[in-house]
Amino acid sequence: MSHKITFTPLSYTGWGALDHLTDEVKKMKASNILIVTDPFLVDLGIADKIEAPLKEQGWKTSIYTEVVPEPPLEVGEKLVAYTKEHQFDLVIGLGAAAPWTLQN
């Protein structure tokens, strides 16, 4: 049995990854940005490090933390509904394995 895996079109990892964030967001012409991460990274202040340069550029941002490792389908469906409801035009995923990824 085969399985298809689709990855985000853009990911940055490692030291200095954050330096590329605002330039990449500008290229995507986003204005309403959702940052998806877990509550632990918010508590550590890491999500703020992603959100701060975005706000400095004047972009509207929101942080969504209702995620869990290896999420069941219901968690994903809830996130999709939230994204559509608030009309985000860019989603940034923030996790321990990948400092940030972009999907628009």
PDB file of N, CA and C in Angstrom:
ATOM      1  N   MET A   1       0.844  -1.168   0.000  1.00  0.00           N
ATOM      2  CA  MET A   1       0.000   0.000   0.000  1.00  0.00           C
ATOM      3  C   MET A   1       0.895   1.238   0.000  1.00  0.00           C
ATOM      4  N   SER A   2       0.599   2.199  -0.864  1.00  0.00           N
ATOM      5  CA  SER A   2       1.386   3.435  -0.907  1.00  0.00           C
ATOM      6  C   SER A   2       0.666   4.557  -0.170  1.00  0.00           C
ATOM      7  N   HIS A   3       1.428   5.541   0.254  1.00  0.00           N
ATOM      8  CA  HIS A   3       0.894   6.700   0.955  1.00  0.00           C
ATOM      9  C   HIS A   3       1.527   7.952   0.370  1.00  0.00           C
ATOM     10  N   LYS A   4       0.746   8.980   0.215  1.00  0.00           N
ATOM     11  CA  LYS A   4       1.248  10.255  -0.269  1.00  0.00           C
ATOM     12  C   LYS A   4       1.475  11.180   0.917  1.00  0.00           C
ATOM     13  N   ILE A   5       2.631  11.832   0.945  1.00  0.00           N
ATOM     14  CA  ILE A   5       2.942  12.811   1.975  1.00  0.00           C
ATOM     15  C   ILE A   5       3.193  14.137   1.268  1.00  0.00           C
ATOM     16  N   THR A   6       2.479  15.164   1.694  1.00  0.00           N
ATOM     17  CA  THR A   6       2.657  16.491   1.118  1.00  0.00           C
ATOM     18  C   THR A   6       3.276  17.395   2.172  1.00  0.00           C
ATOM     19  N   PHE A   7       4.387  18.006   1.829  1.00  0.00           N
ATOM     20  CA  PHE A   7       5.077  18.891   2.755  1.00  0.00           C
ATOM     21  C   PHE A   7       4.758  20.345   2.423  1.00  0.00           C
ATOM     22  N   THR A   8       4.978  21.219   3.374  1.00  0.00           N
ATOM     23  CA  THR A   8       4.775  22.648   3.134  1.00  0.00           C
ATOM     24  C   THR A   8       5.748  23.105   2.061  1.00  0.00           C
ATOM     25  N   PRO A   9       5.379  24.134   1.311  1.00  0.00           N
ATOM     26  CA  PRO A   9       6.249  24.576   0.225  1.00  0.00           C
ATOM     27  C   PRO A   9       7.535  25.258   0.690  1.00  0.00           C
ATOM     28  N   LEU A  10       7.582  25.682   1.941  1.00  0.00           N
ATOM     29  CA  LEU A  10       8.754  26.417   2.411  1.00  0.00           C
ATOM     30  C   LEU A  10       8.974  26.160   3.889  1.00  0.00           C
ATOM     31  N   SER A  11      10.198  25.797   4.245  1.00  0.00           N
ATOM     32  CA  SER A  11      10.564  25.612   5.650  1.00  0.00           C
ATOM     33  C   SER A  11      11.957  26.159   5.886  1.00  0.00           C
ATOM     34  N   TYR A  12      12.141  26.803   7.009  1.00  0.00           N
ATOM     35  CA  TYR A  12      13.459  27.237   7.455  1.00  0.00           C
ATOM     36  C   TYR A  12      13.718  26.585   8.799  1.00  0.00           C
ATOM     37  N   THR A  13      14.928  26.068   8.989  1.00  0.00           N
ATOM     38  CA  THR A  13      15.316  25.493  10.266  1.00  0.00           C
ATOM     39  C   THR A  13      16.724  25.951  10.608  1.00  0.00           C
ATOM     40  N   GLY A  14      17.062  25.870  11.874  1.00  0.00           N
ATOM     41  CA  GLY A  14      18.422  26.161  12.309  1.00  0.00           C
ATOM     42  C   GLY A  14      18.623  27.604  12.738  1.00  0.00           C
ATOM     43  N   TRP A  15      19.861  27.872  13.198  1.00  0.00           N
ATOM     44  CA  TRP A  15      20.208  29.212  13.662  1.00  0.00           C
ATOM     45  C   TRP A  15      20.068  30.195  12.512  1.00  0.00           C
ATOM     46  N   GLY A  16      19.428  31.311  12.773  1.00  0.00           N
ATOM     47  CA  GLY A  16      19.256  32.343  11.760  1.00  0.00           C
ATOM     48  C   GLY A  16      17.995  32.196  10.932  1.00  0.00           C
ATOM     49  N   ALA A  17      17.214  31.165  11.176  1.00  0.00           N
ATOM     50  CA  ALA A  17      15.990  30.947  10.396  1.00  0.00           C
ATOM     51  C   ALA A  17      15.030  32.131  10.516  1.00  0.00           C
ATOM     52  N   LEU A  18      14.962  32.717  11.675  1.00  0.00           N
ATOM     53  CA  LEU A  18      14.047  33.835  11.906  1.00  0.00           C
ATOM     54  C   LEU A  18      14.408  35.054  11.058  1.00  0.00           C
ATOM     55  N   ASP A  19      15.675  35.177  10.691  1.00  0.00           N
ATOM     56  CA  ASP A  19      16.112  36.319   9.878  1.00  0.00           C
ATOM     57  C   ASP A  19      15.416  36.379   8.520  1.00  0.00           C
ATOM     58  N   HIS A  20      14.890  35.272   8.056  1.00  0.00           N
ATOM     59  CA  HIS A  20      14.250  35.193   6.738  1.00  0.00           C
ATOM     60  C   HIS A  20      12.740  35.425   6.792  1.00  0.00           C
ATOM     61  N   LEU A  21      12.171  35.448   7.977  1.00  0.00           N
ATOM     62  CA  LEU A  21      10.715  35.445   8.122  1.00  0.00           C
ATOM     63  C   LEU A  21      10.020  36.605   7.421  1.00  0.00           C
ATOM     64  N   THR A  22      10.371  37.821   7.741  1.00  0.00           N
ATOM     65  CA  THR A  22       9.618  38.953   7.183  1.00  0.00           C
ATOM     66  C   THR A  22       9.798  39.067   5.673  1.00  0.00           C
ATOM     67  N   ASP A  23      10.983  38.751   5.156  1.00  0.00           N
ATOM     68  CA  ASP A  23      11.175  38.786   3.703  1.00  0.00           C
ATOM     69  C   ASP A  23      10.277  37.775   3.000  1.00  0.00           C
ATOM     70  N   GLU A  24      10.143  36.582   3.569  1.00  0.00           N
ATOM     71  CA  GLU A  24       9.297  35.554   2.960  1.00  0.00           C
ATOM     72  C   GLU A  24       7.818  35.946   3.035  1.00  0.00           C
ATOM     73  N   VAL A  25       7.406  36.534   4.144  1.00  0.00           N
ATOM     74  CA  VAL A  25       6.012  36.965   4.282  1.00  0.00           C
ATOM     75  C   VAL A  25       5.709  38.071   3.276  1.00  0.00           C
ATOM     76  N   LYS A  26       6.640  38.994   3.086  1.00  0.00           N
ATOM     77  CA  LYS A  26       6.457  40.051   2.087  1.00  0.00           C
ATOM     78  C   LYS A  26       6.248  39.465   0.698  1.00  0.00           C
ATOM     79  N   LYS A  27       7.025  38.448   0.347  1.00  0.00           N
ATOM     80  CA  LYS A  27       6.899  37.801  -0.962  1.00  0.00           C
ATOM     81  C   LYS A  27       5.503  37.214  -1.159  1.00  0.00           C
ATOM     82  N   MET A  28       4.899  36.746  -0.085  1.00  0.00           N
ATOM     83  CA  MET A  28       3.588  36.110  -0.166  1.00  0.00           C
ATOM     84  C   MET A  28       2.444  37.105  -0.092  1.00  0.00           C
ATOM     85  N   LYS A  29       2.768  38.375   0.145  1.00  0.00           N
ATOM     86  CA  LYS A  29       1.774  39.450   0.184  1.00  0.00           C
ATOM     87  C   LYS A  29       0.633  39.141   1.160  1.00  0.00           C
ATOM     88  N   ALA A  30       0.997  38.624   2.308  1.00  0.00           N
ATOM     89  CA  ALA A  30       0.014  38.289   3.335  1.00  0.00           C
ATOM     90  C   ALA A  30      -0.319  39.520   4.163  1.00  0.00           C
ATOM     91  N   SER A  31      -1.496  39.506   4.752  1.00  0.00           N
ATOM     92  CA  SER A  31      -1.872  40.599   5.653  1.00  0.00           C
ATOM     93  C   SER A  31      -2.482  40.091   6.961  1.00  0.00           C
ATOM     94  N   ASN A  32      -3.052  38.904   6.934  1.00  0.00           N
ATOM     95  CA  ASN A  32      -3.715  38.330   8.102  1.00  0.00           C
ATOM     96  C   ASN A  32      -3.082  36.962   8.353  1.00  0.00           C
ATOM     97  N   ILE A  33      -2.257  36.874   9.377  1.00  0.00           N
ATOM     98  CA  ILE A  33      -1.380  35.720   9.570  1.00  0.00           C
ATOM     99  C   ILE A  33      -1.761  34.935  10.822  1.00  0.00           C
ATOM    100  N   LEU A  34      -1.836  33.620  10.662  1.00  0.00           N
ATOM    101  CA  LEU A  34      -2.097  32.723  11.782  1.00  0.00           C
ATOM    102  C   LEU A  34      -0.820  31.969  12.113  1.00  0.00           C
ATOM    103  N   ILE A  35      -0.445  31.976  13.380  1.00  0.00           N
ATOM    104  CA  ILE A  35       0.691  31.200  13.868  1.00  0.00           C
ATOM    105  C   ILE A  35       0.124  30.013  14.631  1.00  0.00           C
ATOM    106  N   VAL A  36       0.440  28.812  14.171  1.00  0.00           N
ATOM    107  CA  VAL A  36      -0.053  27.591  14.813  1.00  0.00           C
ATOM    108  C   VAL A  36       1.103  26.960  15.574  1.00  0.00           C
ATOM    109  N   THR A  37       0.902  26.767  16.859  1.00  0.00           N
ATOM    110  CA  THR A  37       1.941  26.195  17.703  1.00  0.00           C
ATOM    111  C   THR A  37       1.305  25.540  18.925  1.00  0.00           C
ATOM    112  N   ASP A  38       2.123  24.923  19.743  1.00  0.00           N
ATOM    113  CA  ASP A  38       1.556  24.320  20.955  1.00  0.00           C
ATOM    114  C   ASP A  38       1.714  25.274  22.143  1.00  0.00           C
ATOM    115  N   PRO A  39       0.916  25.076  23.176  1.00  0.00           N
ATOM    116  CA  PRO A  39       0.938  25.985  24.334  1.00  0.00           C
ATOM    117  C   PRO A  39       2.310  26.080  25.001  1.00  0.00           C
ATOM    118  N   PHE A  40       3.081  24.999  24.959  1.00  0.00           N
ATOM    119  CA  PHE A  40       4.396  24.989  25.593  1.00  0.00           C
ATOM    120  C   PHE A  40       5.323  26.023  24.954  1.00  0.00           C
ATOM    121  N   LEU A  41       5.306  26.130  23.619  1.00  0.00           N
ATOM    122  CA  LEU A  41       6.169  27.105  22.943  1.00  0.00           C
ATOM    123  C   LEU A  41       5.693  28.536  23.191  1.00  0.00           C
ATOM    124  N   VAL A  42       4.403  28.709  23.435  1.00  0.00           N
ATOM    125  CA  VAL A  42       3.892  30.026  23.826  1.00  0.00           C
ATOM    126  C   VAL A  42       4.403  30.358  25.220  1.00  0.00           C
ATOM    127  N   ASP A  43       4.301  29.400  26.136  1.00  0.00           N
ATOM    128  CA  ASP A  43       4.750  29.615  27.514  1.00  0.00           C
ATOM    129  C   ASP A  43       6.250  29.939  27.585  1.00  0.00           C
ATOM    130  N   LEU A  44       7.028  29.358  26.695  1.00  0.00           N
ATOM    131  CA  LEU A  44       8.474  29.611  26.672  1.00  0.00           C
ATOM    132  C   LEU A  44       8.825  30.957  26.031  1.00  0.00           C
ATOM    133  N   GLY A  45       7.837  31.601  25.404  1.00  0.00           N
ATOM    134  CA  GLY A  45       8.086  32.883  24.754  1.00  0.00           C
ATOM    135  C   GLY A  45       8.592  32.759  23.328  1.00  0.00           C
ATOM    136  N   ILE A  46       8.657  31.545  22.808  1.00  0.00           N
ATOM    137  CA  ILE A  46       9.173  31.332  21.458  1.00  0.00           C
ATOM    138  C   ILE A  46       8.186  31.848  20.412  1.00  0.00           C
ATOM    139  N   ALA A  47       6.897  31.650  20.633  1.00  0.00           N
ATOM    140  CA  ALA A  47       5.901  32.156  19.682  1.00  0.00           C
ATOM    141  C   ALA A  47       5.966  33.677  19.581  1.00  0.00           C
ATOM    142  N   ASP A  48       6.251  34.345  20.689  1.00  0.00           N
ATOM    143  CA  ASP A  48       6.386  35.806  20.680  1.00  0.00           C
ATOM    144  C   ASP A  48       7.537  36.254  19.787  1.00  0.00           C
ATOM    145  N   LYS A  49       8.595  35.453  19.717  1.00  0.00           N
ATOM    146  CA  LYS A  49       9.743  35.797  18.879  1.00  0.00           C
ATOM    147  C   LYS A  49       9.391  35.713  17.398  1.00  0.00           C
ATOM    148  N   ILE A  50       8.411  34.892  17.064  1.00  0.00           N
ATOM    149  CA  ILE A  50       7.931  34.806  15.683  1.00  0.00           C
ATOM    150  C   ILE A  50       6.940  35.937  15.415  1.00  0.00           C
ATOM    151  N   GLU A  51       6.058  36.172  16.374  1.00  0.00           N
ATOM    152  CA  GLU A  51       4.998  37.166  16.185  1.00  0.00           C
ATOM    153  C   GLU A  51       5.529  38.604  16.189  1.00  0.00           C
ATOM    154  N   ALA A  52       6.508  38.908  17.028  1.00  0.00           N
ATOM    155  CA  ALA A  52       6.981  40.296  17.186  1.00  0.00           C
ATOM    156  C   ALA A  52       7.439  40.949  15.880  1.00  0.00           C
ATOM    157  N   PRO A  53       8.309  40.303  15.074  1.00  0.00           N
ATOM    158  CA  PRO A  53       8.719  40.970  13.837  1.00  0.00           C
ATOM    159  C   PRO A  53       7.582  41.129  12.833  1.00  0.00           C
ATOM    160  N   LEU A  54       6.603  40.257  12.903  1.00  0.00           N
ATOM    161  CA  LEU A  54       5.443  40.375  12.018  1.00  0.00           C
ATOM    162  C   LEU A  54       4.606  41.596  12.396  1.00  0.00           C
ATOM    163  N   LYS A  55       4.378  41.759  13.696  1.00  0.00           N
ATOM    164  CA  LYS A  55       3.620  42.920  14.171  1.00  0.00           C
ATOM    165  C   LYS A  55       4.367  44.221  13.893  1.00  0.00           C
ATOM    166  N   GLU A  56       5.689  44.187  14.012  1.00  0.00           N
ATOM    167  CA  GLU A  56       6.495  45.383  13.728  1.00  0.00           C
ATOM    168  C   GLU A  56       6.313  45.838  12.275  1.00  0.00           C
ATOM    169  N   GLN A  57       6.054  44.900  11.388  1.00  0.00           N
ATOM    170  CA  GLN A  57       5.832  45.218   9.974  1.00  0.00           C
ATOM    171  C   GLN A  57       4.387  45.647   9.713  1.00  0.00           C
ATOM    172  N   GLY A  58       3.535  45.573  10.744  1.00  0.00           N
ATOM    173  CA  GLY A  58       2.158  46.016  10.613  1.00  0.00           C
ATOM    174  C   GLY A  58       1.175  44.944  10.201  1.00  0.00           C
ATOM    175  N   TRP A  59       1.598  43.683  10.192  1.00  0.00           N
ATOM    176  CA  TRP A  59       0.694  42.603   9.822  1.00  0.00           C
ATOM    177  C   TRP A  59      -0.176  42.202  11.005  1.00  0.00           C
ATOM    178  N   LYS A  60      -1.393  41.825  10.723  1.00  0.00           N
ATOM    179  CA  LYS A  60      -2.316  41.317  11.734  1.00  0.00           C
ATOM    180  C   LYS A  60      -1.933  39.861  12.010  1.00  0.00           C
ATOM    181  N   THR A  61      -1.828  39.504  13.284  1.00  0.00           N
ATOM    182  CA  THR A  61      -1.438  38.138  13.650  1.00  0.00           C
ATOM    183  C   THR A  61      -2.357  37.573  14.723  1.00  0.00           C
ATOM    184  N   SER A  62      -2.466  36.259  14.725  1.00  0.00           N
ATOM    185  CA  SER A  62      -3.162  35.516  15.777  1.00  0.00           C
ATOM    186  C   SER A  62      -2.362  34.259  16.054  1.00  0.00           C
ATOM    187  N   ILE A  63      -2.414  33.798  17.299  1.00  0.00           N
ATOM    188  CA  ILE A  63      -1.741  32.560  17.673  1.00  0.00           C
ATOM    189  C   ILE A  63      -2.793  31.523  18.038  1.00  0.00           C
ATOM    190  N   TYR A  64      -2.670  30.341  17.449  1.00  0.00           N
ATOM    191  CA  TYR A  64      -3.607  29.235  17.673  1.00  0.00           C
ATOM    192  C   TYR A  64      -2.837  28.109  18.356  1.00  0.00           C
ATOM    193  N   THR A  65      -3.328  27.663  19.527  1.00  0.00           N
ATOM    194  CA  THR A  65      -2.595  26.652  20.295  1.00  0.00           C
ATOM    195  C   THR A  65      -3.383  25.369  20.557  1.00  0.00           C
ATOM    196  N   GLU A  66      -4.522  25.227  19.937  1.00  0.00           N
ATOM    197  CA  GLU A  66      -5.338  24.044  20.210  1.00  0.00           C
ATOM    198  C   GLU A  66      -4.885  22.869  19.347  1.00  0.00           C
ATOM    199  N   VAL A  67      -3.601  22.520  19.508  1.00  0.00           N
ATOM    200  CA  VAL A  67      -3.017  21.418  18.759  1.00  0.00           C
ATOM    201  C   VAL A  67      -2.388  20.426  19.733  1.00  0.00           C
ATOM    202  N   VAL A  68      -2.195  19.205  19.254  1.00  0.00           N
ATOM    203  CA  VAL A  68      -1.580  18.152  20.049  1.00  0.00           C
ATOM    204  C   VAL A  68      -0.646  17.360  19.131  1.00  0.00           C
ATOM    205  N   PRO A  69       0.357  16.675  19.705  1.00  0.00           N
ATOM    206  CA  PRO A  69       1.214  15.827  18.879  1.00  0.00           C
ATOM    207  C   PRO A  69       0.396  14.725  18.199  1.00  0.00           C
ATOM    208  N   GLU A  70       0.749  14.413  16.977  1.00  0.00           N
ATOM    209  CA  GLU A  70       0.035  13.390  16.201  1.00  0.00           C
ATOM    210  C   GLU A  70      -1.479  13.602  16.302  1.00  0.00           C
ATOM    211  N   PRO A  71      -1.956  14.753  15.852  1.00  0.00           N
ATOM    212  CA  PRO A  71      -3.366  15.123  16.076  1.00  0.00           C
ATOM    213  C   PRO A  71      -4.351  14.218  15.344  1.00  0.00           C
ATOM    214  N   PRO A  72      -5.473  13.959  15.996  1.00  0.00           N
ATOM    215  CA  PRO A  72      -6.541  13.224  15.316  1.00  0.00           C
ATOM    216  C   PRO A  72      -7.199  14.145  14.287  1.00  0.00           C
ATOM    217  N   LEU A  73      -7.960  13.585  13.407  1.00  0.00           N
ATOM    218  CA  LEU A  73      -8.614  14.328  12.330  1.00  0.00           C
ATOM    219  C   LEU A  73      -9.455  15.484  12.867  1.00  0.00           C
ATOM    220  N   GLU A  74     -10.115  15.304  13.987  1.00  0.00           N
ATOM    221  CA  GLU A  74     -10.974  16.338  14.548  1.00  0.00           C
ATOM    222  C   GLU A  74     -10.197  17.616  14.871  1.00  0.00           C
ATOM    223  N   VAL A  75      -8.973  17.474  15.339  1.00  0.00           N
ATOM    224  CA  VAL A  75      -8.146  18.640  15.663  1.00  0.00           C
ATOM    225  C   VAL A  75      -7.830  19.407  14.385  1.00  0.00           C
ATOM    226  N   GLY A  76      -7.487  18.685  13.328  1.00  0.00           N
ATOM    227  CA  GLY A  76      -7.216  19.322  12.041  1.00  0.00           C
ATOM    228  C   GLY A  76      -8.441  20.000  11.460  1.00  0.00           C
ATOM    229  N   GLU A  77      -9.586  19.344  11.564  1.00  0.00           N
ATOM    230  CA  GLU A  77     -10.826  19.929  11.051  1.00  0.00           C
ATOM    231  C   GLU A  77     -11.179  21.222  11.787  1.00  0.00           C
ATOM    232  N   LYS A  78     -10.958  21.233  13.089  1.00  0.00           N
ATOM    233  CA  LYS A  78     -11.240  22.428  13.887  1.00  0.00           C
ATOM    234  C   LYS A  78     -10.319  23.581  13.471  1.00  0.00           C
ATOM    235  N   LEU A  79      -9.056  23.268  13.214  1.00  0.00           N
ATOM    236  CA  LEU A  79      -8.097  24.286  12.771  1.00  0.00           C
ATOM    237  C   LEU A  79      -8.475  24.834  11.397  1.00  0.00           C
ATOM    238  N   VAL A  80      -8.872  23.972  10.489  1.00  0.00           N
ATOM    239  CA  VAL A  80      -9.295  24.421   9.149  1.00  0.00           C
ATOM    240  C   VAL A  80     -10.505  25.340   9.266  1.00  0.00           C
ATOM    241  N   ALA A  81     -11.469  24.966  10.072  1.00  0.00           N
ATOM    242  CA  ALA A  81     -12.663  25.799  10.255  1.00  0.00           C
ATOM    243  C   ALA A  81     -12.287  27.164  10.844  1.00  0.00           C
ATOM    244  N   TYR A  82     -11.399  27.180  11.823  1.00  0.00           N
ATOM    245  CA  TYR A  82     -10.945  28.427  12.441  1.00  0.00           C
ATOM    246  C   TYR A  82     -10.248  29.313  11.410  1.00  0.00           C
ATOM    247  N   THR A  83      -9.417  28.706  10.589  1.00  0.00           N
ATOM    248  CA  THR A  83      -8.676  29.444   9.560  1.00  0.00           C
ATOM    249  C   THR A  83      -9.629  30.070   8.553  1.00  0.00           C
ATOM    250  N   LYS A  84     -10.611  29.319   8.112  1.00  0.00           N
ATOM    251  CA  LYS A  84     -11.596  29.848   7.160  1.00  0.00           C
ATOM    252  C   LYS A  84     -12.448  30.947   7.793  1.00  0.00           C
ATOM    253  N   GLU A  85     -12.862  30.727   9.033  1.00  0.00           N
ATOM    254  CA  GLU A  85     -13.722  31.693   9.728  1.00  0.00           C
ATOM    255  C   GLU A  85     -13.054  33.060   9.839  1.00  0.00           C
ATOM    256  N   HIS A  86     -11.754  33.064  10.098  1.00  0.00           N
ATOM    257  CA  HIS A  86     -11.029  34.317  10.314  1.00  0.00           C
ATOM    258  C   HIS A  86     -10.304  34.808   9.063  1.00  0.00           C
ATOM    259  N   GLN A  87     -10.463  34.102   7.975  1.00  0.00           N
ATOM    260  CA  GLN A  87      -9.937  34.487   6.663  1.00  0.00           C
ATOM    261  C   GLN A  87      -8.438  34.801   6.678  1.00  0.00           C
ATOM    262  N   PHE A  88      -7.668  33.898   7.270  1.00  0.00           N
ATOM    263  CA  PHE A  88      -6.214  34.049   7.252  1.00  0.00           C
ATOM    264  C   PHE A  88      -5.716  33.795   5.844  1.00  0.00           C
ATOM    265  N   ASP A  89      -4.742  34.574   5.405  1.00  0.00           N
ATOM    266  CA  ASP A  89      -4.176  34.330   4.093  1.00  0.00           C
ATOM    267  C   ASP A  89      -2.776  33.734   4.166  1.00  0.00           C
ATOM    268  N   LEU A  90      -2.301  33.490   5.392  1.00  0.00           N
ATOM    269  CA  LEU A  90      -1.013  32.831   5.582  1.00  0.00           C
ATOM    270  C   LEU A  90      -1.022  32.118   6.924  1.00  0.00           C
ATOM    271  N   VAL A  91      -0.509  30.899   6.935  1.00  0.00           N
ATOM    272  CA  VAL A  91      -0.384  30.129   8.169  1.00  0.00           C
ATOM    273  C   VAL A  91       1.090  29.833   8.388  1.00  0.00           C
ATOM    274  N   ILE A  92       1.575  30.138   9.587  1.00  0.00           N
ATOM    275  CA  ILE A  92       2.940  29.821   9.975  1.00  0.00           C
ATOM    276  C   ILE A  92       2.860  28.750  11.046  1.00  0.00           C
ATOM    277  N   GLY A  93       3.480  27.610  10.780  1.00  0.00           N
ATOM    278  CA  GLY A  93       3.540  26.522  11.742  1.00  0.00           C
ATOM    279  C   GLY A  93       4.832  26.607  12.525  1.00  0.00           C
ATOM    280  N   LEU A  94       4.727  26.606  13.835  1.00  0.00           N
ATOM    281  CA  LEU A  94       5.888  26.702  14.705  1.00  0.00           C
ATOM    282  C   LEU A  94       5.945  25.461  15.585  1.00  0.00           C
ATOM    283  N   GLY A  95       7.042  24.728  15.464  1.00  0.00           N
ATOM    284  CA  GLY A  95       7.185  23.512  16.270  1.00  0.00           C
ATOM    285  C   GLY A  95       8.616  23.289  16.680  1.00  0.00           C
ATOM    286  N   ALA A  96       8.826  22.307  17.531  1.00  0.00           N
ATOM    287  CA  ALA A  96      10.176  22.011  18.009  1.00  0.00           C
ATOM    288  C   ALA A  96      11.052  21.472  16.898  1.00  0.00           C
ATOM    289  N   ALA A  97      10.490  20.689  15.992  1.00  0.00           N
ATOM    290  CA  ALA A  97      11.283  20.091  14.916  1.00  0.00           C
ATOM    291  C   ALA A  97      11.563  21.089  13.796  1.00  0.00           C
ATOM    292  N   ALA A  98      10.608  21.982  13.516  1.00  0.00           N
ATOM    293  CA  ALA A  98      10.777  22.979  12.458  1.00  0.00           C
ATOM    294  C   ALA A  98      10.480  24.348  13.042  1.00  0.00           C
ATOM    295  N   PRO A  99      11.483  25.224  13.169  1.00  0.00           N
ATOM    296  CA  PRO A  99      11.235  26.530  13.781  1.00  0.00           C
ATOM    297  C   PRO A  99      10.065  27.284  13.159  1.00  0.00           C
ATOM    298  N   TRP A 100       9.923  27.248  11.850  1.00  0.00           N
ATOM    299  CA  TRP A 100       8.724  27.814  11.257  1.00  0.00           C
ATOM    300  C   TRP A 100       8.585  27.360   9.822  1.00  0.00           C
ATOM    301  N   THR A 101       7.346  27.218   9.390  1.00  0.00           N
ATOM    302  CA  THR A 101       7.047  26.861   8.008  1.00  0.00           C
ATOM    303  C   THR A 101       5.915  27.749   7.552  1.00  0.00           C
ATOM    304  N   LEU A 102       5.819  27.964   6.258  1.00  0.00           N
ATOM    305  CA  LEU A 102       4.788  28.828   5.703  1.00  0.00           C
ATOM    306  C   LEU A 102       3.881  28.057   4.770  1.00  0.00           C
ATOM    307  N   GLN A 103       2.611  28.378   4.818  1.00  0.00           N
ATOM    308  CA  GLN A 103       1.638  27.798   3.898  1.00  0.00           C
ATOM    309  C   GLN A 103       0.601  28.875   3.596  1.00  0.00           C
ATOM    310  N   ASN A 104       0.406  29.180   2.326  1.00  0.00           N
ATOM    311  CA  ASN A 104      -0.660  30.145   1.997  1.00  0.00           C
ATOM    312  C   ASN A 104      -1.536  29.584   0.918  1.00  0.00           C
TER     313      ASN A 104
END
